[in-house]
Every structure is written in structure tokens, then in C-alpha cells.
């Protein structure tokens, strides 16, 4: 009896894929995906560049803003210093020959200090309201820019063209605020102590004459341009007996009777500074002033 034999038909042999083939297939797939991603990114960058307000050269495509930022950044403004006002206080310079007044924060020096000290000082002129500066032509009989300094009761002017002691003069503030009144007759017969000035046609007597003689006379105060009159002060609103002179207004203060302050000069320097807007104004743009143009 013949032995049983295996079937002559063999099953096919199934081999596993080789590892190298698998790696190659994965690399092809990865390269395909990478190329697709790069193409998509390039299209987006080109679209953003076209919609951007910036240039689209190759040098700027990488840094150009995207569609989400359509406007260029706003530049930061450079801070501008506040203007220096005429009445702004200054620091004490601690310099020889310079006097600093803490009440107003201003200094006094040179010819103006000499004049201030020699002709009555604080009681006569008050505190300085500004530093020295060149004031434009116009105003109080000015035909050209003039070096000045404002005080509560006066404005000092520097006149280098004059010989001493007239290099410093007081502005004619009395005439500026009160034009001369009409001339009147002399009162010498009725009042022997009265003095008459034919140059302006007005009289001077009593406590005003005493003050005028004791505080610089004609060079400091000028001629009288009115008689005595009643007037309300523009600075404190009170009514005083006053008399105007070319460079000053004298006020009688009975509350100070018997003291050196019975007669005081009106605050014409303060009035003129306010009239010119100096408490709120800049230094002029020439001379020794700071240029804020």
C-alpha cells in the first residue's frame, strides 16, 4: 500500500516587506507634506504683502506687518519744555553782587541794584517782579527794544548812551497811566510852602512835597502832572488822595500817619506788568531772552 503523500500544489510563500522600503516610503510621504505646507505659507505671505501699506520687496516681506495691523505705528512725541514766563521765580544763584528776593523769587544786580539801593530801595520801588530782559519797542514811549526790569512800583530802564548817574532811569509810568491834566495857576500866595512848576503848570505841597524832596526829587519822580485828587486804586480797590508825577503816583495813607510809610508810591509797575500780560506772557524772542520759537 502506497504511503500518503503531500499535495503536489504548494501554497504561495508571503514574505514581509523589507525595512529599507518602509523608510523610503515614509520619506516620500514627509517630503510631499512639506512641499504642500511651504506652498501654502508662501501664498499667505504674498497675500499679506499685497494688502500691507508697506513696500513688498524681498527685503521687507519678512518684516512687513500682517493684515491685522493696517496702519504704521504712531511716533512718540518729543516732550516740549514749558515756556518761561516773565514772572516765574528763579533759583537763588548764590553769586557775589546778586541779591535774591524770596518774596517774589527774583534777583537784582549791577546798575539796577545800585540804583535801587541808592534811591529808596524796597519802600520806594517794591520787590522785583521780573528779571532783566529786553522789552520790544512801543508801550511807554519806547522807540526801540530796551533793557528793563519790572518792580512793584516802577520799571527800571537801562540807558548806556547816557552818562552816570543817568544810565538808569525810571519809565514815565505816571504819564502813561494818567495823561497830564490842564495847567492851573500857582498857589504860592495861598500856601507859601507850595512849589509851582511852570514846566507842567502844577503845584506840589504838604506831605507829597516832603516825600518828593526826600526820595530823589526831579530825577526820580519827575514833574507833577496833576494836582492832588481822589482816586480808587486799581490794585487794591481802595480810594486814596493821590498826585501823579511823570514817573510815579504818590498815595497818602493816613493809616500810616507818623511813620515813614505815610506816603507810598502807587503799584504802577504791577499795573503795567498786568496790562502787558507779563504774569501770563513769555519773554520776548530777542536780546538776552530765551528763544522758544
Protein backbone atom coordinates (compact mmCIF):
# COMPACT_ATOMS: atom_id res chain seq x y z
CA UNK A 1 0.00 0.00 0.00
CA UNK A 2 1.47 3.26 -1.03
CA UNK A 3 2.11 5.95 1.70
CA UNK A 4 0.08 9.04 1.78
CA UNK A 5 1.92 11.97 0.16
CA UNK A 6 1.54 15.78 0.45
CA UNK A 7 -0.35 17.56 -2.23
CA UNK A 8 1.71 18.48 -5.19
CA UNK A 9 0.23 22.02 -5.14
CA UNK A 10 2.17 24.29 -2.75
CA UNK A 11 0.81 27.32 -1.02
CA UNK A 12 2.47 30.63 -2.08
CA UNK A 13 5.16 31.98 0.31
CA UNK A 14 4.28 35.52 1.70
CA UNK A 15 7.43 37.50 2.67
CA UNK A 16 7.31 40.71 4.93
CA UNK A 17 8.37 43.98 3.26
CA UNK A 18 12.00 44.92 3.75
CA UNK A 19 12.74 47.76 6.32
CA UNK A 20 14.53 49.90 3.72
CA UNK A 21 11.43 50.05 1.57
CA UNK A 22 9.34 51.21 4.52
CA UNK A 23 11.77 54.03 5.35
CA UNK A 24 11.84 55.16 1.72
CA UNK A 25 8.05 55.32 1.58
CA UNK A 26 7.90 57.39 4.77
CA UNK A 27 10.46 59.85 3.43
CA UNK A 28 8.50 60.32 0.21
CA UNK A 29 5.33 60.99 2.21
CA UNK A 30 7.08 63.51 4.51
CA UNK A 31 8.58 65.39 1.56
CA UNK A 32 5.18 65.56 -0.11
CA UNK A 33 3.59 67.06 3.00
CA UNK A 34 6.46 69.57 3.49
CA UNK A 35 6.23 70.84 -0.07
CA UNK A 36 2.49 71.35 0.34
CA UNK A 37 2.97 73.33 3.59
CA UNK A 38 5.62 75.56 2.08
CA UNK A 39 3.41 76.37 -0.88
CA UNK A 40 0.54 77.32 1.44
CA UNK A 41 2.78 79.57 3.61
CA UNK A 42 4.20 81.39 0.59
CA UNK A 43 0.71 82.14 -0.71
CA UNK A 44 -0.31 83.61 2.66
CA UNK A 45 2.79 85.83 2.83
CA UNK A 46 2.24 87.13 -0.66
CA UNK A 47 -1.38 87.94 0.16
CA UNK A 48 -0.36 89.81 3.33
CA UNK A 49 2.29 91.76 1.47
CA UNK A 50 -0.18 92.88 -1.19
CA UNK A 51 -2.63 94.16 1.41
CA UNK A 52 0.05 95.91 3.52
CA UNK A 53 0.74 99.67 3.28
CA UNK A 54 4.46 98.88 3.34
CA UNK A 55 6.72 98.08 0.33
CA UNK A 56 6.63 94.50 -0.85
CA UNK A 57 10.25 93.98 -1.83
CA UNK A 58 12.01 90.79 -0.83
CA UNK A 59 13.91 92.70 1.85
CA UNK A 60 10.70 93.78 3.58
CA UNK A 61 8.38 90.83 3.03
CA UNK A 62 9.67 89.10 6.13
CA UNK A 63 9.20 92.18 8.37
CA UNK A 64 6.06 93.69 6.82
CA UNK A 65 3.05 93.83 9.17
CA UNK A 66 0.24 91.38 8.59
CA UNK A 67 -3.28 92.28 7.56
CA UNK A 68 -4.19 92.65 11.24
CA UNK A 69 -2.04 95.86 11.51
CA UNK A 70 -3.05 98.11 8.57
CA UNK A 71 -1.59 101.38 9.98
CA UNK A 72 2.01 102.34 10.76
CA UNK A 73 2.83 102.87 14.46
CA UNK A 74 2.26 106.39 15.83
CA UNK A 75 5.61 108.08 16.59
CA UNK A 76 6.20 109.10 20.20
CA UNK A 77 6.07 112.90 20.60
CA UNK A 78 9.17 114.59 22.00
CA UNK A 79 8.30 116.47 25.22
CA UNK A 80 8.40 120.26 24.78
CA UNK A 81 9.57 122.29 27.81
CA UNK A 82 7.09 124.71 29.31
CA UNK A 83 7.72 128.35 28.32
CA UNK A 84 9.45 130.52 30.89
CA UNK A 85 7.14 133.32 31.98
CA UNK A 86 8.38 136.76 32.91
CA UNK A 87 7.11 136.47 36.47
CA UNK A 88 8.26 132.87 37.04
CA UNK A 89 10.59 132.75 40.06
CA UNK A 90 14.22 131.84 39.60
CA UNK A 91 16.61 129.99 41.89
CA UNK A 92 18.94 131.87 44.20
CA UNK A 93 22.21 131.96 42.21
CA UNK A 94 24.31 132.50 45.36
CA UNK A 95 26.55 134.79 43.32
CA UNK A 96 28.54 137.78 44.62
CA UNK A 97 26.87 141.08 43.80
CA UNK A 98 23.45 139.47 43.24
CA UNK A 99 20.54 139.95 45.66
CA UNK A 100 17.76 137.34 45.54
CA UNK A 101 14.32 138.18 46.97
CA UNK A 102 12.44 135.10 48.22
CA UNK A 103 9.16 137.08 48.37
CA UNK A 104 8.98 137.16 44.56
CA UNK A 105 11.79 134.78 43.60
CA UNK A 106 13.72 137.33 41.52
CA UNK A 107 17.17 138.83 41.55
CA UNK A 108 18.67 142.30 41.40
CA UNK A 109 22.20 143.07 40.24
CA UNK A 110 24.51 145.53 38.52
CA UNK A 111 23.39 149.08 37.73
CA UNK A 112 19.78 148.29 38.63
CA UNK A 113 20.83 147.12 42.11
CA UNK A 114 22.94 150.26 42.57
CA UNK A 115 20.03 152.49 41.55
CA UNK A 116 17.52 150.59 43.70
CA UNK A 117 19.76 150.82 46.77
CA UNK A 118 20.67 154.50 46.30
CA UNK A 119 17.14 155.81 45.72
CA UNK A 120 14.92 154.34 48.38
CA UNK A 121 15.11 150.57 47.96
CA UNK A 122 12.16 148.43 48.95
CA UNK A 123 9.97 151.22 50.34
CA UNK A 124 10.37 153.27 47.17
CA UNK A 125 10.21 150.67 44.41
CA UNK A 126 8.99 147.43 45.96
CA UNK A 127 10.19 143.93 45.10
CA UNK A 128 11.36 142.95 41.61
CA UNK A 129 8.63 141.21 39.58
CA UNK A 130 10.85 140.00 36.71
CA UNK A 131 14.46 139.51 35.80
CA UNK A 132 16.15 141.94 33.42
CA UNK A 133 15.01 141.48 29.82
CA UNK A 134 14.77 143.35 26.54
CA UNK A 135 11.29 144.73 26.02
CA UNK A 136 10.03 145.37 22.46
CA UNK A 137 9.62 148.87 21.10
CA UNK A 138 6.33 150.60 21.82
CA UNK A 139 4.44 150.88 25.06
CA UNK A 140 5.80 153.54 27.39
CA UNK A 141 7.48 155.90 24.90
CA UNK A 142 9.84 153.22 23.54
CA UNK A 143 11.17 153.67 20.02
CA UNK A 144 13.46 150.61 20.15
CA UNK A 145 13.98 147.50 22.30
CA UNK A 146 15.06 148.47 25.78
CA UNK A 147 16.68 146.59 28.65
CA UNK A 148 14.25 146.83 31.58
CA UNK A 149 13.24 145.23 34.85
CA UNK A 150 9.82 145.47 36.47
CA UNK A 151 9.24 146.25 40.14
CA UNK A 152 6.00 146.59 42.09
CA UNK A 153 6.10 150.39 41.93
CA UNK A 154 8.34 151.15 38.95
CA UNK A 155 10.05 149.94 35.79
CA UNK A 156 13.79 150.42 35.56
CA UNK A 157 15.34 151.23 32.18
CA UNK A 158 19.00 150.89 31.24
CA UNK A 159 20.33 153.70 29.01
CA UNK A 160 24.01 153.03 28.23
CA UNK A 161 24.03 156.03 25.90
CA UNK A 162 23.70 158.34 28.95
CA UNK A 163 26.46 159.39 31.29
CA UNK A 164 26.20 158.46 35.00
CA UNK A 165 24.08 158.98 37.03
CA UNK A 166 21.53 158.79 34.21
CA UNK A 167 22.36 155.34 32.84
CA UNK A 168 19.38 154.03 34.82
CA UNK A 169 16.08 155.88 34.53
CA UNK A 170 12.55 155.17 35.66
CA UNK A 171 9.88 154.74 33.00
CA UNK A 172 7.35 157.56 32.77
CA UNK A 173 4.59 155.39 34.23
CA UNK A 174 2.75 158.34 35.74
CA UNK A 175 2.27 159.91 32.33
CA UNK A 176 1.38 156.53 30.83
CA UNK A 177 -1.47 155.87 33.26
CA UNK A 178 -2.66 159.47 33.65
CA UNK A 179 -2.03 161.97 30.86
CA UNK A 180 -1.15 165.43 32.22
CA UNK A 181 -4.06 167.48 33.46
CA UNK A 182 -4.59 171.03 32.17
CA UNK A 183 -2.35 173.66 33.67
CA UNK A 184 -3.50 175.54 36.79
CA UNK A 185 -2.39 178.82 38.46
CA UNK A 186 0.28 178.86 41.12
CA UNK A 187 -0.87 178.55 44.76
CA UNK A 188 2.18 180.18 46.33
CA UNK A 189 0.16 183.14 47.66
CA UNK A 190 -2.35 180.90 49.43
CA UNK A 191 0.27 178.37 50.57
CA UNK A 192 3.80 179.67 50.97
CA UNK A 193 5.05 176.07 51.38
CA UNK A 194 3.75 175.15 47.95
CA UNK A 195 6.07 174.93 44.94
CA UNK A 196 4.87 175.67 41.44
CA UNK A 197 6.40 174.05 38.35
CA UNK A 198 5.86 176.14 35.22
CA UNK A 199 7.20 173.26 33.08
CA UNK A 200 3.95 171.36 33.64
CA UNK A 201 1.77 174.02 35.30
CA UNK A 202 1.11 172.19 38.59
CA UNK A 203 1.70 172.67 42.30
CA UNK A 204 3.38 170.50 44.92
CA UNK A 205 2.88 170.88 48.65
CA UNK A 206 2.37 169.17 52.01
CA UNK A 207 3.37 165.56 52.63
CA UNK A 208 3.74 164.91 48.90
CA UNK A 209 6.34 167.67 48.61
CA UNK A 210 8.20 166.32 51.63
CA UNK A 211 8.26 162.86 50.11
CA UNK A 212 9.26 164.17 46.68
CA UNK A 213 12.23 166.05 48.13
CA UNK A 214 13.34 163.15 50.34
CA UNK A 215 13.08 160.47 47.67
CA UNK A 216 15.02 161.61 44.65
CA UNK A 217 13.21 164.80 43.67
CA UNK A 218 13.03 165.57 39.97
CA UNK A 219 15.37 162.84 38.58
CA UNK A 220 13.47 160.03 40.30
CA UNK A 221 9.88 161.27 40.31
CA UNK A 222 9.70 163.84 37.52
CA UNK A 223 7.48 166.92 37.46
CA UNK A 224 3.96 166.90 38.89
CA UNK A 225 1.39 166.45 36.12
CA UNK A 226 -1.77 166.79 38.24
CA UNK A 227 -2.94 168.44 41.41
CA UNK A 228 -3.96 166.30 44.39
CA UNK A 229 -7.10 164.27 43.64
CA UNK A 230 -9.18 161.36 44.92
CA UNK A 231 -8.76 158.09 43.06
CA UNK A 232 -9.57 154.41 43.57
CA UNK A 233 -6.55 152.15 43.36
CA UNK A 234 -6.56 149.64 40.52
CA UNK A 235 -4.63 147.12 42.64
CA UNK A 236 -6.50 147.08 45.97
CA UNK A 237 -9.76 148.88 45.15
CA UNK A 238 -9.35 151.45 47.94
CA UNK A 239 -9.70 155.20 47.46
CA UNK A 240 -6.71 157.42 48.20
CA UNK A 241 -5.63 161.01 47.93
CA UNK A 242 -3.06 160.86 45.14
CA UNK A 243 -0.94 163.04 42.92
CA UNK A 244 0.59 161.99 39.61
CA UNK A 245 4.13 162.74 38.54
CA UNK A 246 5.86 161.92 35.28
CA UNK A 247 7.40 158.74 36.73
CA UNK A 248 5.20 157.93 39.72
CA UNK A 249 1.89 158.20 41.53
CA UNK A 250 2.06 159.21 45.19
CA UNK A 251 -0.62 157.92 47.57
CA UNK A 252 -1.44 159.31 51.01
CA UNK A 253 -2.03 156.59 53.62
CA UNK A 254 -3.44 158.19 56.78
CA UNK A 255 -3.43 154.79 58.50
CA UNK A 256 0.38 155.08 58.44
CA UNK A 257 0.49 158.64 59.82
CA UNK A 258 3.62 159.36 61.81
CA UNK A 259 5.62 156.60 60.09
CA UNK A 260 7.91 156.65 57.03
CA UNK A 261 5.06 154.97 55.12
CA UNK A 262 2.54 157.81 55.33
CA UNK A 263 3.18 158.42 51.63
CA UNK A 264 3.72 155.46 49.33
CA UNK A 265 4.16 155.14 45.59
CA UNK A 266 1.30 153.51 43.70
CA UNK A 267 1.81 150.00 42.30
CA UNK A 268 2.28 151.24 38.75
CA UNK A 269 4.92 148.62 37.95
CA UNK A 270 2.46 145.88 38.88
CA UNK A 271 -0.30 147.58 36.87
CA UNK A 272 1.86 147.84 33.75
CA UNK A 273 3.03 144.22 34.06
CA UNK A 274 -0.60 143.11 34.27
CA UNK A 275 -1.60 145.37 31.39
CA UNK A 276 1.14 143.84 29.23
CA UNK A 277 0.11 140.33 30.22
CA UNK A 278 3.50 139.55 31.76
CA UNK A 279 2.16 137.35 34.57
CA UNK A 280 0.99 135.10 31.73
CA UNK A 281 3.38 136.02 28.90
CA UNK A 282 6.71 134.79 27.55
CA UNK A 283 9.99 136.60 27.39
CA UNK A 284 10.36 138.40 24.04
CA UNK A 285 12.22 136.42 21.36
CA UNK A 286 15.31 138.58 21.15
CA UNK A 287 18.01 140.18 23.25
CA UNK A 288 19.13 138.07 26.20
CA UNK A 289 15.80 136.27 26.41
CA UNK A 290 15.27 132.56 25.79
CA UNK A 291 14.05 131.81 22.27
CA UNK A 292 11.00 129.50 22.25
CA UNK A 293 10.32 129.82 18.52
